[in-house]
Protein backbone atom coordinates (compact mmCIF):
# COMPACT_ATOMS: atom_id res chain seq x y z
CA MET A 1 172.92 96.97 104.67
CA LYS A 2 171.10 93.73 104.93
CA LEU A 3 170.37 92.26 108.39
CA THR A 4 170.28 88.60 109.09
CA PRO A 5 167.18 87.11 110.71
CA LEU A 6 169.07 86.80 113.99
CA GLN A 7 170.06 90.46 113.91
CA LYS A 8 166.46 91.49 113.05
CA ARG A 9 165.19 89.54 116.03
CA ALA A 10 167.80 91.14 118.32
CA ALA A 11 166.94 94.66 117.06
CA HIS A 12 163.21 93.99 117.53
CA LYS A 13 163.79 92.71 121.07
CA ALA A 14 165.96 95.74 121.92
CA ARG A 15 163.20 98.06 120.64
CA ASN A 16 160.60 96.45 122.94
CA THR A 17 162.77 96.63 126.06
CA GLN A 18 162.73 100.42 126.22
CA GLN A 19 161.16 101.74 129.44
CA LEU A 20 158.00 103.74 129.08
CA ASP A 21 157.84 106.81 131.32
CA LEU A 22 154.35 107.48 132.66
CA ASN A 23 153.56 111.06 133.57
CA LEU A 24 151.13 111.03 136.50
CA THR A 25 150.95 114.80 136.96
CA ALA A 26 148.11 115.22 134.47
CA LEU A 27 146.20 112.32 136.02
CA VAL A 28 146.53 113.78 139.52
CA ASP A 29 145.33 117.15 138.22
CA VAL A 30 142.22 115.55 136.71
CA PHE A 31 141.39 113.73 139.94
CA THR A 32 141.92 116.90 141.99
CA ILE A 33 139.49 118.80 139.79
CA LEU A 34 137.00 115.93 139.97
CA ILE A 35 137.13 115.79 143.78
CA PHE A 36 136.75 119.57 144.04
CA PHE A 37 133.73 119.47 141.71
CA LEU A 38 132.05 116.66 143.67
CA LEU A 39 132.63 118.36 147.03
CA SER A 40 131.36 121.73 145.85
CA ASN A 41 128.18 120.25 144.35
CA SER A 42 127.38 117.95 147.26
CA THR A 43 126.39 120.87 149.52
CA GLU A 44 123.40 121.85 147.38
CA VAL A 45 121.20 119.02 148.69
CA GLU A 46 119.66 119.60 152.10
CA VAL A 47 118.67 116.46 153.93
CA LEU A 48 116.80 116.45 157.19
CA PRO A 49 117.88 113.92 159.81
CA ALA A 50 116.00 110.68 159.30
CA SER A 51 114.47 108.76 162.15
CA LYS A 52 112.89 105.34 162.07
CA ALA A 53 110.60 106.40 164.92
CA VAL A 54 108.89 109.03 162.75
CA THR A 55 106.86 108.40 159.61
CA LEU A 56 106.40 111.74 157.87
CA PRO A 57 103.10 112.59 156.18
CA GLU A 58 103.12 112.84 152.39
CA SER A 59 102.68 116.10 150.54
CA THR A 60 102.85 117.52 147.04
CA ALA A 61 105.03 120.41 148.26
CA GLU A 62 108.04 121.08 146.06
CA GLN A 63 109.85 123.64 148.21
CA ALA A 64 113.22 122.42 149.47
CA PRO A 65 113.82 122.49 153.23
CA LYS A 66 115.93 125.26 154.73
CA PRO A 67 118.66 124.51 157.27
CA THR A 68 116.89 125.22 160.56
CA LEU A 69 116.53 123.96 164.09
CA VAL A 70 114.72 120.58 164.00
CA VAL A 71 112.18 119.37 166.57
CA LEU A 72 111.37 115.68 166.12
CA VAL A 73 108.05 114.48 167.57
CA SER A 74 107.57 110.72 167.62
CA GLY A 75 104.91 108.65 169.31
CA SER A 76 106.96 108.46 172.50
CA ASP A 77 109.52 111.30 172.63
CA ILE A 78 110.17 114.93 171.72
CA VAL A 79 113.75 115.42 170.49
CA VAL A 80 115.50 118.73 169.73
CA GLU A 81 118.66 118.55 167.62
CA GLY A 82 119.18 114.90 168.58
CA ARG A 83 118.65 115.46 172.33
CA ARG A 84 115.56 114.01 174.06
CA VAL A 85 113.78 116.76 176.00
CA ALA A 86 110.34 115.35 176.88
CA ASN A 87 108.20 112.23 177.01
CA VAL A 88 104.98 112.37 174.98
CA ALA A 89 102.94 110.60 177.69
CA ASP A 90 103.96 113.22 180.27
CA VAL A 91 103.19 116.05 177.84
CA MET A 92 99.75 114.69 177.02
CA ALA A 93 98.98 114.16 180.73
CA ASN A 94 99.78 117.82 181.46
CA ALA A 95 96.90 120.22 180.80
CA GLU A 96 99.12 123.23 179.99
CA ASP A 97 99.67 124.33 176.40
CA VAL A 98 103.38 125.07 176.86
CA ILE A 99 105.78 122.14 177.15
CA ALA A 100 108.22 123.42 179.81
CA PRO A 101 111.27 121.25 178.98
CA LEU A 102 110.90 122.00 175.26
CA LYS A 103 110.60 125.74 175.92
CA ALA A 104 113.69 125.67 178.16
CA GLU A 105 115.71 123.90 175.45
CA LEU A 106 114.48 126.29 172.74
CA ASP A 107 115.34 129.28 174.94
CA VAL A 108 118.89 127.98 175.37
CA LEU A 109 119.27 127.32 171.63
CA SER A 110 117.89 130.73 170.71
CA GLN A 111 120.63 132.42 172.78
CA ARG A 112 123.35 131.12 170.46
CA GLN A 113 125.29 133.81 168.66
CA VAL A 114 124.93 134.05 164.89
CA VAL A 115 128.40 133.86 163.35
CA ARG A 116 127.54 134.87 159.80
CA GLN A 117 125.26 137.82 159.17
CA GLU A 118 123.43 136.09 156.28
CA ASN A 119 122.33 133.37 158.74
CA ALA A 120 120.69 135.89 161.07
CA ALA A 121 117.40 135.62 159.16
CA THR A 122 117.22 131.85 159.75
CA GLY A 123 117.99 132.18 163.47
CA ARG A 124 114.30 132.16 164.44
CA THR A 125 113.07 129.46 162.08
CA ILE A 126 112.21 125.94 163.19
CA THR A 127 111.18 122.72 161.45
CA ILE A 128 108.86 120.24 163.14
CA MET A 129 109.26 116.63 162.06
CA GLY A 130 106.08 115.10 163.41
CA ASP A 131 104.97 111.52 162.97
CA LYS A 132 101.86 111.33 160.81
CA ASP A 133 100.01 109.45 163.59
CA ILE A 134 100.60 111.89 166.47
CA PRO A 135 97.46 113.55 167.85
CA TYR A 136 96.72 117.13 166.86
CA GLN A 137 96.70 118.17 170.55
CA LEU A 138 100.37 117.23 170.85
CA LEU A 139 101.26 119.03 167.63
CA ARG A 140 99.38 122.10 168.85
CA LYS A 141 101.32 122.09 172.14
CA VAL A 142 104.62 121.88 170.26
CA MET A 143 103.61 124.80 168.00
CA VAL A 144 102.47 126.94 170.96
CA THR A 145 105.74 126.22 172.76
CA CYS A 146 107.75 127.21 169.68
CA ALA A 147 105.77 130.44 169.38
CA ARG A 148 106.31 131.27 173.08
CA ALA A 149 110.04 130.70 172.61
CA ASN A 150 109.93 133.41 169.87
CA PHE A 151 110.35 131.07 166.91
CA ALA A 152 108.09 132.84 164.44
CA ASP A 153 108.74 130.85 161.26
CA VAL A 154 107.52 127.27 161.81
CA SER A 155 107.78 124.69 159.03
CA PHE A 156 106.63 121.08 158.90
CA ALA A 157 108.76 118.34 157.39
CA VAL A 158 106.89 116.11 154.94
CA ARG A 159 107.82 113.37 152.53
CA GLN A 160 107.26 114.28 148.89
CA LYS A 161 104.69 112.11 147.12
CA ALA A 162 105.95 110.16 144.17
CA GLU A 163 104.37 111.50 141.02
CA ALA A 164 102.30 109.01 139.02
CA ALA A 165 103.79 108.36 135.62
């Protein structure tokens, strides 16, 4: 059976008008797996809260920070977990080694119940984020106060030096 050119054109046009069914189930599955993968791997990086008021000293340390209680010591304030507890000028004017408002705040935070048993070991650890230009006397007072509040494991936050290529 021989088709005329008009019939060929009509058959070709009829072939191209068929609707294409797109199956989105496989695409949704791929995106679900991708989102799950990204969410599960994003928790491996521990980032300490950044503050423009504090310039951390540089170090060659390669140990990653542990999730702990953070005490931020800038040139003007002492902040615990984002809450200002003391003024540096008042602390430096006081002759005592223990910073009373800081100790009171640490005592309150140390009374928190540990929900998961594996986190019990990190309950008494603390990280001090001290500006690189703060005087040693102030840093010493913060460390003594942490020790008096029964925080035995004290760490210092530093910025990792860029390795020379």
